[in-house]
């Protein structure tokens, strides 16, 4: 995977992230970053409707260098982002036995 190549601006915070990682972790980001949307070619993607602390939790969940512990609060926080995280769905099915 290459270096961080996009900035997610959430409120006043900037998150420097890797597009490939985002696409693997969320079908919403995959469509946004590879489909026919303006975000595909932007260096900075504005996400004003998201909360920075929830985005940070999501990024820690999917980033190998941060690996956040998965707690009920982490699940609630990432779910509120509505990114359809494949990481979260897999964890929930595997460890909680839900679909």
Protein backbone atom coordinates (compact mmCIF):
# COMPACT_ATOMS: atom_id res chain seq x y z
CA UNK A 1 0.00 0.00 0.00
CA UNK A 2 1.30 3.43 -0.84
CA UNK A 3 1.66 6.42 1.41
CA UNK A 4 -1.12 8.70 2.56
CA UNK A 5 -2.54 10.30 -0.57
CA UNK A 6 -5.71 12.08 0.50
CA UNK A 7 -6.83 14.32 3.34
CA UNK A 8 -10.22 13.89 4.99
CA UNK A 9 -11.26 17.23 6.48
CA UNK A 10 -13.75 16.61 9.26
CA UNK A 11 -14.72 19.80 11.04
CA UNK A 12 -11.47 21.52 12.01
CA UNK A 13 -9.37 18.34 11.77
CA UNK A 14 -7.45 16.92 8.85
CA UNK A 15 -6.79 13.19 8.60
CA UNK A 16 -4.03 12.17 6.18
CA UNK A 17 -5.00 8.73 4.92
CA UNK A 18 -4.42 6.21 2.18
CA UNK A 19 -7.14 5.90 -0.49
CA UNK A 20 -6.57 2.17 -0.96
CA UNK A 21 -7.07 1.54 2.75
CA UNK A 22 -10.29 3.57 2.76
CA UNK A 23 -11.59 1.70 -0.30
CA UNK A 24 -10.85 -1.69 1.27
CA UNK A 25 -12.52 -0.73 4.55
CA UNK A 26 -15.67 0.97 3.29
CA UNK A 27 -17.82 0.55 0.17
CA UNK A 28 -18.93 4.16 0.65
CA UNK A 29 -15.34 5.40 0.31
CA UNK A 30 -14.72 2.95 -2.54
CA UNK A 31 -17.58 4.41 -4.56
CA UNK A 32 -16.62 7.96 -3.64
CA UNK A 33 -12.93 7.57 -4.52
CA UNK A 34 -13.16 5.33 -7.59
CA UNK A 35 -16.54 6.19 -9.09
CA UNK A 36 -17.65 9.16 -11.12
CA UNK A 37 -17.66 11.60 -8.20
CA UNK A 38 -15.77 14.85 -7.67
CA UNK A 39 -13.93 13.37 -4.66
CA UNK A 40 -12.11 10.93 -6.95
CA UNK A 41 -9.60 13.60 -7.98
CA UNK A 42 -9.56 15.80 -4.89
CA UNK A 43 -6.59 15.97 -2.56
CA UNK A 44 -8.80 17.22 0.28
CA UNK A 45 -12.24 15.71 0.84
CA UNK A 46 -14.63 17.72 2.98
CA UNK A 47 -16.84 15.72 5.33
CA UNK A 48 -18.61 18.45 7.34
CA UNK A 49 -21.49 16.21 8.41
CA UNK A 50 -19.17 13.73 10.17
CA UNK A 51 -17.72 14.03 13.68
CA UNK A 52 -13.94 14.14 13.98
CA UNK A 53 -13.77 11.85 17.01
CA UNK A 54 -15.86 9.21 15.25
CA UNK A 55 -13.73 9.46 12.10
CA UNK A 56 -10.61 9.07 14.21
CA UNK A 57 -12.08 5.94 15.79
CA UNK A 58 -12.90 4.52 12.36
CA UNK A 59 -9.40 5.25 11.06
CA UNK A 60 -7.83 3.65 14.12
CA UNK A 61 -10.01 0.60 13.56
CA UNK A 62 -8.84 0.12 9.98
CA UNK A 63 -5.22 1.30 10.26
CA UNK A 64 -2.67 -1.41 11.04
CA UNK A 65 -0.36 1.04 12.79
CA UNK A 66 -3.03 2.15 15.29
CA UNK A 67 -5.28 -0.87 15.90
CA UNK A 68 -7.89 0.42 18.33
CA UNK A 69 -9.41 -2.08 20.74
CA UNK A 70 -12.91 -3.00 19.56
CA UNK A 71 -15.39 -2.12 22.27
CA UNK A 72 -19.14 -1.50 22.23
CA UNK A 73 -18.44 2.25 22.11
CA UNK A 74 -16.13 1.81 19.11
CA UNK A 75 -18.89 -0.13 17.33
CA UNK A 76 -21.48 2.57 18.10
CA UNK A 77 -19.11 5.34 17.03
CA UNK A 78 -18.19 3.76 13.70
CA UNK A 79 -21.81 2.80 13.02
CA UNK A 80 -22.85 6.46 13.40
CA UNK A 81 -20.51 7.37 10.52
CA UNK A 82 -22.65 5.27 8.15
CA UNK A 83 -19.64 4.17 6.10
CA UNK A 84 -20.70 0.52 5.98
CA UNK A 85 -17.32 -0.56 7.25
CA UNK A 86 -16.45 -4.04 6.05
CA UNK A 87 -14.05 -4.35 8.98
CA UNK A 88 -16.81 -3.69 11.47
CA UNK A 89 -19.26 -6.04 9.75
CA UNK A 90 -16.72 -8.86 9.71
CA UNK A 91 -15.84 -8.35 13.36
CA UNK A 92 -19.49 -8.24 14.40
CA UNK A 93 -20.37 -11.42 12.50
CA UNK A 94 -17.30 -13.27 13.74
CA UNK A 95 -17.27 -12.32 17.39
CA UNK A 96 -20.88 -11.47 18.10
CA UNK A 97 -22.62 -13.93 15.83
CA UNK A 98 -24.79 -11.30 14.14
CA UNK A 99 -25.37 -10.34 10.51
